[in-house]
Amino acid sequence: MEVIAKRRDFLLAARARRQGSKSMMVQGRDRKDENGLRVGFTCSKKVGNAVARNRAKRRLREAARLVLPLHGREGWDYVLIGRATETAGRPFDALQNDLIYALKKIHGK
């Protein structure tokens, strides 16, 4: 699993499919003709100060590490966006279930 680092890739994912859940927003884009699964993480200042944003991103990274190899698709980019109080405060198993739900909705369309 590769990490998305370039702004261009984040902007392309923002124009693709998206699905919200209680604890996060997931954007997914089929890159077509490229191998590998890539993922990016972001949290706005609405989530809180730097400590709160980093905690939310750490939780998103761990959930993605556990869920995406099983439920993600090769050749897709995913961007996980943290929500203000929900991402950091939601139980971890519920956070994983939210990600699975969002991925099923994105791929089901």
PDB file of N, CA and C in Angstrom:
ATOM      1  N   MET A   1       0.855  -1.179   0.000  1.00  0.00           N
ATOM      2  CA  MET A   1       0.000   0.000   0.000  1.00  0.00           C
ATOM      3  C   MET A   1       0.898   1.238   0.000  1.00  0.00           C
ATOM      4  N   GLU A   2       0.711   2.071  -0.987  1.00  0.00           N
ATOM      5  CA  GLU A   2       1.515   3.281  -1.155  1.00  0.00           C
ATOM      6  C   GLU A   2       0.726   4.483  -0.629  1.00  0.00           C
ATOM      7  N   VAL A   3       1.436   5.498  -0.150  1.00  0.00           N
ATOM      8  CA  VAL A   3       0.791   6.699   0.390  1.00  0.00           C
ATOM      9  C   VAL A   3       0.780   7.787  -0.675  1.00  0.00           C
ATOM     10  N   ILE A   4      -0.357   8.444  -0.820  1.00  0.00           N
ATOM     11  CA  ILE A   4      -0.482   9.564  -1.756  1.00  0.00           C
ATOM     12  C   ILE A   4       0.153  10.793  -1.109  1.00  0.00           C
ATOM     13  N   ALA A   5       1.044  11.452  -1.828  1.00  0.00           N
ATOM     14  CA  ALA A   5       1.726  12.612  -1.267  1.00  0.00           C
ATOM     15  C   ALA A   5       1.548  13.871  -2.115  1.00  0.00           C
ATOM     16  N   LYS A   6       1.200  13.723  -3.371  1.00  0.00           N
ATOM     17  CA  LYS A   6       1.120  14.889  -4.259  1.00  0.00           C
ATOM     18  C   LYS A   6      -0.276  15.494  -4.259  1.00  0.00           C
ATOM     19  N   ARG A   7      -0.309  16.804  -4.259  1.00  0.00           N
ATOM     20  CA  ARG A   7      -1.573  17.544  -4.233  1.00  0.00           C
ATOM     21  C   ARG A   7      -2.443  17.181  -5.436  1.00  0.00           C
ATOM     22  N   ARG A   8      -1.816  16.988  -6.578  1.00  0.00           N
ATOM     23  CA  ARG A   8      -2.536  16.643  -7.800  1.00  0.00           C
ATOM     24  C   ARG A   8      -3.374  15.382  -7.617  1.00  0.00           C
ATOM     25  N   ASP A   9      -2.818  14.384  -6.952  1.00  0.00           N
ATOM     26  CA  ASP A   9      -3.544  13.135  -6.732  1.00  0.00           C
ATOM     27  C   ASP A   9      -4.712  13.322  -5.767  1.00  0.00           C
ATOM     28  N   PHE A  10      -4.527  14.176  -4.752  1.00  0.00           N
ATOM     29  CA  PHE A  10      -5.623  14.483  -3.834  1.00  0.00           C
ATOM     30  C   PHE A  10      -6.760  15.184  -4.577  1.00  0.00           C
ATOM     31  N   LEU A  11      -6.421  16.110  -5.479  1.00  0.00           N
ATOM     32  CA  LEU A  11      -7.442  16.835  -6.232  1.00  0.00           C
ATOM     33  C   LEU A  11      -8.187  15.914  -7.204  1.00  0.00           C
ATOM     34  N   LEU A  12      -7.483  14.974  -7.806  1.00  0.00           N
ATOM     35  CA  LEU A  12      -8.147  14.017  -8.698  1.00  0.00           C
ATOM     36  C   LEU A  12      -9.108  13.130  -7.914  1.00  0.00           C
ATOM     37  N   ALA A  13      -8.710  12.722  -6.720  1.00  0.00           N
ATOM     38  CA  ALA A  13      -9.596  11.894  -5.886  1.00  0.00           C
ATOM     39  C   ALA A  13     -10.810  12.697  -5.415  1.00  0.00           C
ATOM     40  N   ALA A  14     -10.630  13.991  -5.220  1.00  0.00           N
ATOM     41  CA  ALA A  14     -11.743  14.827  -4.752  1.00  0.00           C
ATOM     42  C   ALA A  14     -12.844  14.933  -5.806  1.00  0.00           C
ATOM     43  N   ARG A  15     -12.478  14.770  -7.078  1.00  0.00           N
ATOM     44  CA  ARG A  15     -13.477  14.840  -8.149  1.00  0.00           C
ATOM     45  C   ARG A  15     -14.094  13.491  -8.461  1.00  0.00           C
ATOM     46  N   ALA A  16     -13.654  12.445  -7.800  1.00  0.00           N
ATOM     47  CA  ALA A  16     -14.147  11.092  -8.073  1.00  0.00           C
ATOM     48  C   ALA A  16     -15.271  10.738  -7.102  1.00  0.00           C
ATOM     49  N   ARG A  17     -15.500   9.452  -6.920  1.00  0.00           N
ATOM     50  CA  ARG A  17     -16.574   8.983  -6.044  1.00  0.00           C
ATOM     51  C   ARG A  17     -16.261   9.283  -4.593  1.00  0.00           C
ATOM     52  N   ARG A  18     -17.321   9.561  -3.830  1.00  0.00           N
ATOM     53  CA  ARG A  18     -17.125   9.811  -2.400  1.00  0.00           C
ATOM     54  C   ARG A  18     -18.283   9.223  -1.622  1.00  0.00           C
ATOM     55  N   GLN A  19     -17.973   8.848  -0.402  1.00  0.00           N
ATOM     56  CA  GLN A  19     -18.988   8.289   0.485  1.00  0.00           C
ATOM     57  C   GLN A  19     -18.668   8.714   1.906  1.00  0.00           C
ATOM     58  N   GLY A  20     -19.652   9.295   2.554  1.00  0.00           N
ATOM     59  CA  GLY A  20     -19.490   9.698   3.935  1.00  0.00           C
ATOM     60  C   GLY A  20     -19.964   8.601   4.873  1.00  0.00           C
ATOM     61  N   SER A  21     -19.379   8.571   6.036  1.00  0.00           N
ATOM     62  CA  SER A  21     -19.833   7.688   7.107  1.00  0.00           C
ATOM     63  C   SER A  21     -19.812   8.516   8.389  1.00  0.00           C
ATOM     64  N   LYS A  22     -20.180   7.907   9.469  1.00  0.00           N
ATOM     65  CA  LYS A  22     -20.270   8.649  10.718  1.00  0.00           C
ATOM     66  C   LYS A  22     -18.917   9.225  11.144  1.00  0.00           C
ATOM     67  N   SER A  23     -17.843   8.498  10.887  1.00  0.00           N
ATOM     68  CA  SER A  23     -16.552   8.924  11.401  1.00  0.00           C
ATOM     69  C   SER A  23     -15.582   9.471  10.364  1.00  0.00           C
ATOM     70  N   MET A  24     -15.905   9.380   9.073  1.00  0.00           N
ATOM     71  CA  MET A  24     -14.969   9.856   8.049  1.00  0.00           C
ATOM     72  C   MET A  24     -15.669  10.044   6.712  1.00  0.00           C
ATOM     73  N   MET A  25     -14.976  10.709   5.822  1.00  0.00           N
ATOM     74  CA  MET A  25     -15.381  10.806   4.425  1.00  0.00           C
ATOM     75  C   MET A  25     -14.324  10.042   3.629  1.00  0.00           C
ATOM     76  N   VAL A  26     -14.762   9.202   2.701  1.00  0.00           N
ATOM     77  CA  VAL A  26     -13.841   8.418   1.879  1.00  0.00           C
ATOM     78  C   VAL A  26     -14.063   8.801   0.425  1.00  0.00           C
ATOM     79  N   GLN A  27     -12.968   9.132  -0.248  1.00  0.00           N
ATOM     80  CA  GLN A  27     -13.009   9.422  -1.669  1.00  0.00           C
ATOM     81  C   GLN A  27     -12.244   8.313  -2.377  1.00  0.00           C
ATOM     82  N   GLY A  28     -12.806   7.809  -3.474  1.00  0.00           N
ATOM     83  CA  GLY A  28     -12.157   6.727  -4.203  1.00  0.00           C
ATOM     84  C   GLY A  28     -12.110   7.021  -5.684  1.00  0.00           C
ATOM     85  N   ARG A  29     -10.972   6.698  -6.304  1.00  0.00           N
ATOM     86  CA  ARG A  29     -10.788   6.956  -7.735  1.00  0.00           C
ATOM     87  C   ARG A  29     -10.112   5.759  -8.374  1.00  0.00           C
ATOM     88  N   ASP A  30     -10.692   5.296  -9.458  1.00  0.00           N
ATOM     89  CA  ASP A  30     -10.085   4.220 -10.241  1.00  0.00           C
ATOM     90  C   ASP A  30      -9.063   4.857 -11.174  1.00  0.00           C
ATOM     91  N   ARG A  31      -7.788   4.481 -11.014  1.00  0.00           N
ATOM     92  CA  ARG A  31      -6.727   5.086 -11.822  1.00  0.00           C
ATOM     93  C   ARG A  31      -6.628   4.483 -13.206  1.00  0.00           C
ATOM     94  N   LYS A  32      -7.241   3.340 -13.432  1.00  0.00           N
ATOM     95  CA  LYS A  32      -7.245   2.677 -14.740  1.00  0.00           C
ATOM     96  C   LYS A  32      -5.817   2.427 -15.251  1.00  0.00           C
ATOM     97  N   ASP A  33      -5.504   1.212 -15.502  1.00  0.00           N
ATOM     98  CA  ASP A  33      -4.229   0.799 -16.088  1.00  0.00           C
ATOM     99  C   ASP A  33      -3.028   0.991 -15.165  1.00  0.00           C
ATOM    100  N   GLU A  34      -3.229   1.216 -13.890  1.00  0.00           N
ATOM    101  CA  GLU A  34      -2.100   1.318 -12.977  1.00  0.00           C
ATOM    102  C   GLU A  34      -2.272   0.274 -11.881  1.00  0.00           C
ATOM    103  N   ASN A  35      -1.160  -0.267 -11.439  1.00  0.00           N
ATOM    104  CA  ASN A  35      -1.200  -1.287 -10.404  1.00  0.00           C
ATOM    105  C   ASN A  35      -0.983  -0.671  -9.031  1.00  0.00           C
ATOM    106  N   GLY A  36      -1.361  -1.412  -8.025  1.00  0.00           N
ATOM    107  CA  GLY A  36      -1.122  -0.967  -6.655  1.00  0.00           C
ATOM    108  C   GLY A  36      -2.270  -0.151  -6.106  1.00  0.00           C
ATOM    109  N   LEU A  37      -2.377  -0.195  -4.826  1.00  0.00           N
ATOM    110  CA  LEU A  37      -3.418   0.525  -4.098  1.00  0.00           C
ATOM    111  C   LEU A  37      -2.743   1.687  -3.378  1.00  0.00           C
ATOM    112  N   ARG A  38      -3.293   2.890  -3.514  1.00  0.00           N
ATOM    113  CA  ARG A  38      -2.704   4.056  -2.851  1.00  0.00           C
ATOM    114  C   ARG A  38      -3.731   4.684  -1.930  1.00  0.00           C
ATOM    115  N   VAL A  39      -3.259   5.290  -0.850  1.00  0.00           N
ATOM    116  CA  VAL A  39      -4.156   5.898   0.119  1.00  0.00           C
ATOM    117  C   VAL A  39      -3.536   7.199   0.635  1.00  0.00           C
ATOM    118  N   GLY A  40      -4.408   8.186   0.884  1.00  0.00           N
ATOM    119  CA  GLY A  40      -3.994   9.466   1.447  1.00  0.00           C
ATOM    120  C   GLY A  40      -4.883   9.817   2.620  1.00  0.00           C
ATOM    121  N   PHE A  41      -4.380  10.650   3.506  1.00  0.00           N
ATOM    122  CA  PHE A  41      -5.101  11.017   4.713  1.00  0.00           C
ATOM    123  C   PHE A  41      -5.065  12.526   4.882  1.00  0.00           C
ATOM    124  N   THR A  42      -6.181  13.088   5.340  1.00  0.00           N
ATOM    125  CA  THR A  42      -6.216  14.515   5.593  1.00  0.00           C
ATOM    126  C   THR A  42      -7.241  14.833   6.674  1.00  0.00           C
ATOM    127  N   CYS A  43      -6.950  15.891   7.400  1.00  0.00           N
ATOM    128  CA  CYS A  43      -7.863  16.423   8.417  1.00  0.00           C
ATOM    129  C   CYS A  43      -7.749  17.940   8.372  1.00  0.00           C
ATOM    130  N   SER A  44      -8.868  18.624   8.311  1.00  0.00           N
ATOM    131  CA  SER A  44      -8.831  20.083   8.283  1.00  0.00           C
ATOM    132  C   SER A  44      -8.699  20.630   9.699  1.00  0.00           C
ATOM    133  N   LYS A  45      -8.564  21.930   9.793  1.00  0.00           N
ATOM    134  CA  LYS A  45      -8.442  22.561  11.107  1.00  0.00           C
ATOM    135  C   LYS A  45      -9.741  22.506  11.897  1.00  0.00           C
ATOM    136  N   LYS A  46     -10.838  22.143  11.237  1.00  0.00           N
ATOM    137  CA  LYS A  46     -12.105  21.958  11.943  1.00  0.00           C
ATOM    138  C   LYS A  46     -12.017  20.804  12.929  1.00  0.00           C
ATOM    139  N   VAL A  47     -11.118  19.853  12.658  1.00  0.00           N
ATOM    140  CA  VAL A  47     -10.946  18.695  13.546  1.00  0.00           C
ATOM    141  C   VAL A  47     -10.379  19.140  14.886  1.00  0.00           C
ATOM    142  N   GLY A  48      -9.552  20.167  14.883  1.00  0.00           N
ATOM    143  CA  GLY A  48      -8.988  20.675  16.139  1.00  0.00           C
ATOM    144  C   GLY A  48      -7.561  21.142  15.930  1.00  0.00           C
ATOM    145  N   ASN A  49      -6.832  21.215  17.037  1.00  0.00           N
ATOM    146  CA  ASN A  49      -5.442  21.659  16.956  1.00  0.00           C
ATOM    147  C   ASN A  49      -4.582  20.542  16.354  1.00  0.00           C
ATOM    148  N   ALA A  50      -3.278  20.778  16.284  1.00  0.00           N
ATOM    149  CA  ALA A  50      -2.388  19.814  15.631  1.00  0.00           C
ATOM    150  C   ALA A  50      -2.410  18.455  16.326  1.00  0.00           C
ATOM    151  N   VAL A  51      -2.501  18.460  17.632  1.00  0.00           N
ATOM    152  CA  VAL A  51      -2.542  17.198  18.371  1.00  0.00           C
ATOM    153  C   VAL A  51      -3.784  16.389  17.989  1.00  0.00           C
ATOM    154  N   ALA A  52      -4.939  17.036  17.932  1.00  0.00           N
ATOM    155  CA  ALA A  52      -6.190  16.348  17.586  1.00  0.00           C
ATOM    156  C   ALA A  52      -6.164  15.863  16.140  1.00  0.00           C
ATOM    157  N   ARG A  53      -5.634  16.679  15.219  1.00  0.00           N
ATOM    158  CA  ARG A  53      -5.557  16.272  13.813  1.00  0.00           C
ATOM    159  C   ARG A  53      -4.634  15.073  13.639  1.00  0.00           C
ATOM    160  N   ASN A  54      -3.495  15.099  14.308  1.00  0.00           N
ATOM    161  CA  ASN A  54      -2.560  13.982  14.190  1.00  0.00           C
ATOM    162  C   ASN A  54      -3.129  12.705  14.796  1.00  0.00           C
ATOM    163  N   ARG A  55      -3.850  12.821  15.901  1.00  0.00           N
ATOM    164  CA  ARG A  55      -4.470  11.639  16.503  1.00  0.00           C
ATOM    165  C   ARG A  55      -5.505  11.034  15.560  1.00  0.00           C
ATOM    166  N   ALA A  56      -6.319  11.899  14.951  1.00  0.00           N
ATOM    167  CA  ALA A  56      -7.325  11.423  14.004  1.00  0.00           C
ATOM    168  C   ALA A  56      -6.656  10.744  12.809  1.00  0.00           C
ATOM    169  N   LYS A  57      -5.578  11.322  12.288  1.00  0.00           N
ATOM    170  CA  LYS A  57      -4.890  10.729  11.138  1.00  0.00           C
ATOM    171  C   LYS A  57      -4.220   9.403  11.508  1.00  0.00           C
ATOM    172  N   ARG A  58      -3.676   9.305  12.710  1.00  0.00           N
ATOM    173  CA  ARG A  58      -3.089   8.033  13.149  1.00  0.00           C
ATOM    174  C   ARG A  58      -4.138   6.930  13.188  1.00  0.00           C
ATOM    175  N   ARG A  59      -5.325   7.269  13.700  1.00  0.00           N
ATOM    176  CA  ARG A  59      -6.407   6.279  13.760  1.00  0.00           C
ATOM    177  C   ARG A  59      -6.863   5.884  12.352  1.00  0.00           C
ATOM    178  N   LEU A  60      -6.952   6.862  11.439  1.00  0.00           N
ATOM    179  CA  LEU A  60      -7.324   6.564  10.054  1.00  0.00           C
ATOM    180  C   LEU A  60      -6.273   5.684   9.376  1.00  0.00           C
ATOM    181  N   ARG A  61      -4.988   5.975   9.621  1.00  0.00           N
ATOM    182  CA  ARG A  61      -3.916   5.175   9.029  1.00  0.00           C
ATOM    183  C   ARG A  61      -3.981   3.722   9.484  1.00  0.00           C
ATOM    184  N   GLU A  62      -4.220   3.517  10.775  1.00  0.00           N
ATOM    185  CA  GLU A  62      -4.282   2.149  11.285  1.00  0.00           C
ATOM    186  C   GLU A  62      -5.505   1.414  10.751  1.00  0.00           C
ATOM    187  N   ALA A  63      -6.638   2.095  10.677  1.00  0.00           N
ATOM    188  CA  ALA A  63      -7.838   1.468  10.120  1.00  0.00           C
ATOM    189  C   ALA A  63      -7.606   1.103   8.648  1.00  0.00           C
ATOM    190  N   ALA A  64      -6.975   1.987   7.899  1.00  0.00           N
ATOM    191  CA  ALA A  64      -6.695   1.713   6.489  1.00  0.00           C
ATOM    192  C   ALA A  64      -5.718   0.551   6.347  1.00  0.00           C
ATOM    193  N   ARG A  65      -4.727   0.481   7.225  1.00  0.00           N
ATOM    194  CA  ARG A  65      -3.749  -0.599   7.170  1.00  0.00           C
ATOM    195  C   ARG A  65      -4.408  -1.960   7.363  1.00  0.00           C
ATOM    196  N   LEU A  66      -5.435  -2.009   8.213  1.00  0.00           N
ATOM    197  CA  LEU A  66      -6.111  -3.270   8.491  1.00  0.00           C
ATOM    198  C   LEU A  66      -7.203  -3.606   7.470  1.00  0.00           C
ATOM    199  N   VAL A  67      -7.907  -2.595   6.959  1.00  0.00           N
ATOM    200  CA  VAL A  67      -9.097  -2.827   6.139  1.00  0.00           C
ATOM    201  C   VAL A  67      -8.801  -2.833   4.636  1.00  0.00           C
ATOM    202  N   LEU A  68      -7.981  -1.922   4.145  1.00  0.00           N
ATOM    203  CA  LEU A  68      -7.800  -1.776   2.692  1.00  0.00           C
ATOM    204  C   LEU A  68      -7.210  -3.004   1.999  1.00  0.00           C
ATOM    205  N   PRO A  69      -6.266  -3.737   2.590  1.00  0.00           N
ATOM    206  CA  PRO A  69      -5.795  -4.935   1.873  1.00  0.00           C
ATOM    207  C   PRO A  69      -6.906  -5.965   1.640  1.00  0.00           C
ATOM    208  N   LEU A  70      -7.917  -5.979   2.480  1.00  0.00           N
ATOM    209  CA  LEU A  70      -9.004  -6.945   2.337  1.00  0.00           C
ATOM    210  C   LEU A  70     -10.153  -6.424   1.482  1.00  0.00           C
ATOM    211  N   HIS A  71     -10.485  -5.133   1.608  1.00  0.00           N
ATOM    212  CA  HIS A  71     -11.678  -4.593   0.966  1.00  0.00           C
ATOM    213  C   HIS A  71     -11.381  -3.567  -0.135  1.00  0.00           C
ATOM    214  N   GLY A  72     -10.138  -3.121  -0.237  1.00  0.00           N
ATOM    215  CA  GLY A  72      -9.777  -2.176  -1.290  1.00  0.00           C
ATOM    216  C   GLY A  72      -9.506  -2.900  -2.596  1.00  0.00           C
ATOM    217  N   ARG A  73      -9.378  -2.143  -3.660  1.00  0.00           N
ATOM    218  CA  ARG A  73      -9.126  -2.723  -4.983  1.00  0.00           C
ATOM    219  C   ARG A  73      -7.813  -2.218  -5.546  1.00  0.00           C
ATOM    220  N   GLU A  74      -7.141  -3.106  -6.263  1.00  0.00           N
ATOM    221  CA  GLU A  74      -5.901  -2.731  -6.940  1.00  0.00           C
ATOM    222  C   GLU A  74      -6.196  -1.654  -7.990  1.00  0.00           C
ATOM    223  N   GLY A  75      -5.281  -0.715  -8.135  1.00  0.00           N
ATOM    224  CA  GLY A  75      -5.446   0.333  -9.139  1.00  0.00           C
ATOM    225  C   GLY A  75      -6.343   1.476  -8.689  1.00  0.00           C
ATOM    226  N   TRP A  76      -6.680   1.538  -7.420  1.00  0.00           N
ATOM    227  CA  TRP A  76      -7.539   2.602  -6.893  1.00  0.00           C
ATOM    228  C   TRP A  76      -6.759   3.496  -5.948  1.00  0.00           C
ATOM    229  N   ASP A  77      -7.144   4.771  -5.911  1.00  0.00           N
ATOM    230  CA  ASP A  77      -6.664   5.730  -4.925  1.00  0.00           C
ATOM    231  C   ASP A  77      -7.789   5.982  -3.936  1.00  0.00           C
ATOM    232  N   TYR A  78      -7.461   6.028  -2.661  1.00  0.00           N
ATOM    233  CA  TYR A  78      -8.437   6.335  -1.617  1.00  0.00           C
ATOM    234  C   TYR A  78      -7.890   7.489  -0.783  1.00  0.00           C
ATOM    235  N   VAL A  79      -8.765   8.443  -0.468  1.00  0.00           N
ATOM    236  CA  VAL A  79      -8.423   9.528   0.441  1.00  0.00           C
ATOM    237  C   VAL A  79      -9.398   9.465   1.605  1.00  0.00           C
ATOM    238  N   LEU A  80      -8.863   9.368   2.811  1.00  0.00           N
ATOM    239  CA  LEU A  80      -9.676   9.317   4.021  1.00  0.00           C
ATOM    240  C   LEU A  80      -9.594  10.670   4.706  1.00  0.00           C
ATOM    241  N   ILE A  81     -10.753  11.275   4.939  1.00  0.00           N
ATOM    242  CA  ILE A  81     -10.835  12.606   5.529  1.00  0.00           C
ATOM    243  C   ILE A  81     -11.475  12.484   6.904  1.00  0.00           C
ATOM    244  N   GLY A  82     -10.771  12.962   7.919  1.00  0.00           N
ATOM    245  CA  GLY A  82     -11.263  12.884   9.289  1.00  0.00           C
ATOM    246  C   GLY A  82     -12.360  13.890   9.568  1.00  0.00           C
ATOM    247  N   ARG A  83     -13.248  13.537  10.482  1.00  0.00           N
ATOM    248  CA  ARG A  83     -14.328  14.430  10.915  1.00  0.00           C
ATOM    249  C   ARG A  83     -14.024  14.985  12.296  1.00  0.00           C
ATOM    250  N   ALA A  84     -14.650  16.109  12.609  1.00  0.00           N
ATOM    251  CA  ALA A  84     -14.294  16.909  13.788  1.00  0.00           C
ATOM    252  C   ALA A  84     -14.143  16.104  15.081  1.00  0.00           C
ATOM    253  N   THR A  85     -15.202  15.604  15.656  1.00  0.00           N
ATOM    254  CA  THR A  85     -15.063  14.904  16.930  1.00  0.00           C
ATOM    255  C   THR A  85     -15.212  13.404  16.771  1.00  0.00           C
ATOM    256  N   GLU A  86     -15.766  12.979  15.674  1.00  0.00           N
ATOM    257  CA  GLU A  86     -16.099  11.571  15.497  1.00  0.00           C
ATOM    258  C   GLU A  86     -14.890  10.677  15.245  1.00  0.00           C
ATOM    259  N   THR A  87     -13.940  11.124  14.455  1.00  0.00           N
ATOM    260  CA  THR A  87     -12.821  10.258  14.093  1.00  0.00           C
ATOM    261  C   THR A  87     -11.987   9.880  15.310  1.00  0.00           C
ATOM    262  N   ALA A  88     -11.704  10.837  16.152  1.00  0.00           N
ATOM    263  CA  ALA A  88     -10.853  10.569  17.311  1.00  0.00           C
ATOM    264  C   ALA A  88     -11.614   9.884  18.444  1.00  0.00           C
ATOM    265  N   GLY A  89     -12.919  10.123  18.552  1.00  0.00           N
ATOM    266  CA  GLY A  89     -13.664   9.612  19.680  1.00  0.00           C
ATOM    267  C   GLY A  89     -14.421   8.321  19.447  1.00  0.00           C
ATOM    268  N   ARG A  90     -14.535   7.906  18.201  1.00  0.00           N
ATOM    269  CA  ARG A  90     -15.312   6.701  17.882  1.00  0.00           C
ATOM    270  C   ARG A  90     -14.519   5.446  18.260  1.00  0.00           C
ATOM    271  N   PRO A  91     -15.186   4.412  18.779  1.00  0.00           N
ATOM    272  CA  PRO A  91     -14.475   3.153  19.055  1.00  0.00           C
ATOM    273  C   PRO A  91     -13.822   2.619  17.784  1.00  0.00           C
ATOM    274  N   PHE A  92     -12.650   1.980  17.947  1.00  0.00           N
ATOM    275  CA  PHE A  92     -11.861   1.596  16.783  1.00  0.00           C
ATOM    276  C   PHE A  92     -12.556   0.577  15.904  1.00  0.00           C
ATOM    277  N   ASP A  93     -13.271  -0.373  16.487  1.00  0.00           N
ATOM    278  CA  ASP A  93     -13.967  -1.360  15.656  1.00  0.00           C
ATOM    279  C   ASP A  93     -15.083  -0.701  14.843  1.00  0.00           C
ATOM    280  N   ALA A  94     -15.728   0.310  15.407  1.00  0.00           N
ATOM    281  CA  ALA A  94     -16.748   1.050  14.657  1.00  0.00           C
ATOM    282  C   ALA A  94     -16.101   1.866  13.532  1.00  0.00           C
ATOM    283  N   LEU A  95     -14.907   2.394  13.788  1.00  0.00           N
ATOM    284  CA  LEU A  95     -14.169   3.134  12.761  1.00  0.00           C
ATOM    285  C   LEU A  95     -13.849   2.213  11.579  1.00  0.00           C
ATOM    286  N   GLN A  96     -13.417   0.995  11.866  1.00  0.00           N
ATOM    287  CA  GLN A  96     -13.139   0.030  10.801  1.00  0.00           C
ATOM    288  C   GLN A  96     -14.409  -0.322  10.034  1.00  0.00           C
ATOM    289  N   ASN A  97     -15.508  -0.520  10.748  1.00  0.00           N
ATOM    290  CA  ASN A  97     -16.773  -0.848  10.087  1.00  0.00           C
ATOM    291  C   ASN A  97     -17.255   0.298   9.208  1.00  0.00           C
ATOM    292  N   ASP A  98     -17.027   1.545   9.645  1.00  0.00           N
ATOM    293  CA  ASP A  98     -17.388   2.697   8.823  1.00  0.00           C
ATOM    294  C   ASP A  98     -16.593   2.707   7.514  1.00  0.00           C
ATOM    295  N   LEU A  99     -15.309   2.366   7.590  1.00  0.00           N
ATOM    296  CA  LEU A  99     -14.476   2.327   6.389  1.00  0.00           C
ATOM    297  C   LEU A  99     -14.933   1.215   5.447  1.00  0.00           C
ATOM    298  N   ILE A 100     -15.253   0.055   5.984  1.00  0.00           N
ATOM    299  CA  ILE A 100     -15.745  -1.059   5.161  1.00  0.00           C
ATOM    300  C   ILE A 100     -17.052  -0.668   4.462  1.00  0.00           C
ATOM    301  N   TYR A 101     -17.945  -0.041   5.217  1.00  0.00           N
ATOM    302  CA  TYR A 101     -19.231   0.416   4.656  1.00  0.00           C
ATOM    303  C   TYR A 101     -19.000   1.393   3.498  1.00  0.00           C
ATOM    304  N   ALA A 102     -18.112   2.372   3.707  1.00  0.00           N
ATOM    305  CA  ALA A 102     -17.848   3.373   2.677  1.00  0.00           C
ATOM    306  C   ALA A 102     -17.236   2.732   1.431  1.00  0.00           C
ATOM    307  N   LEU A 103     -16.331   1.795   1.620  1.00  0.00           N
ATOM    308  CA  LEU A 103     -15.705   1.132   0.473  1.00  0.00           C
ATOM    309  C   LEU A 103     -16.728   0.330  -0.325  1.00  0.00           C
ATOM    310  N   LYS A 104     -17.629  -0.351   0.358  1.00  0.00           N
ATOM    311  CA  LYS A 104     -18.669  -1.111  -0.347  1.00  0.00           C
ATOM    312  C   LYS A 104     -19.562  -0.188  -1.157  1.00  0.00           C
ATOM    313  N   LYS A 105     -19.892   0.966  -0.613  1.00  0.00           N
ATOM    314  CA  LYS A 105     -20.734   1.928  -1.331  1.00  0.00           C
ATOM    315  C   LYS A 105     -19.990   2.501  -2.551  1.00  0.00           C
ATOM    316  N   ILE A 106     -18.708   2.810  -2.389  1.00  0.00           N
ATOM    317  CA  ILE A 106     -17.931   3.366  -3.498  1.00  0.00           C
ATOM    318  C   ILE A 106     -17.810   2.353  -4.630  1.00  0.00           C
ATOM    319  N   HIS A 107     -17.549   1.091  -4.303  1.00  0.00           N
ATOM    320  CA  HIS A 107     -17.355   0.073  -5.332  1.00  0.00           C
ATOM    321  C   HIS A 107     -18.682  -0.462  -5.870  1.00  0.00           C
ATOM    322  N   GLY A 108     -19.756  -0.240  -5.138  1.00  0.00           N
ATOM    323  CA  GLY A 108     -21.050  -0.746  -5.579  1.00  0.00           C
ATOM    324  C   GLY A 108     -21.691   0.077  -6.661  1.00  0.00           C
ATOM    325  N   LYS A 109     -21.204   1.303  -6.876  1.00  0.00           N
ATOM    326  CA  LYS A 109     -21.834   2.194  -7.849  1.00  0.00           C
ATOM    327  C   LYS A 109     -21.449   1.823  -9.254  1.00  0.00           C
TER     328      LYS A 109
END
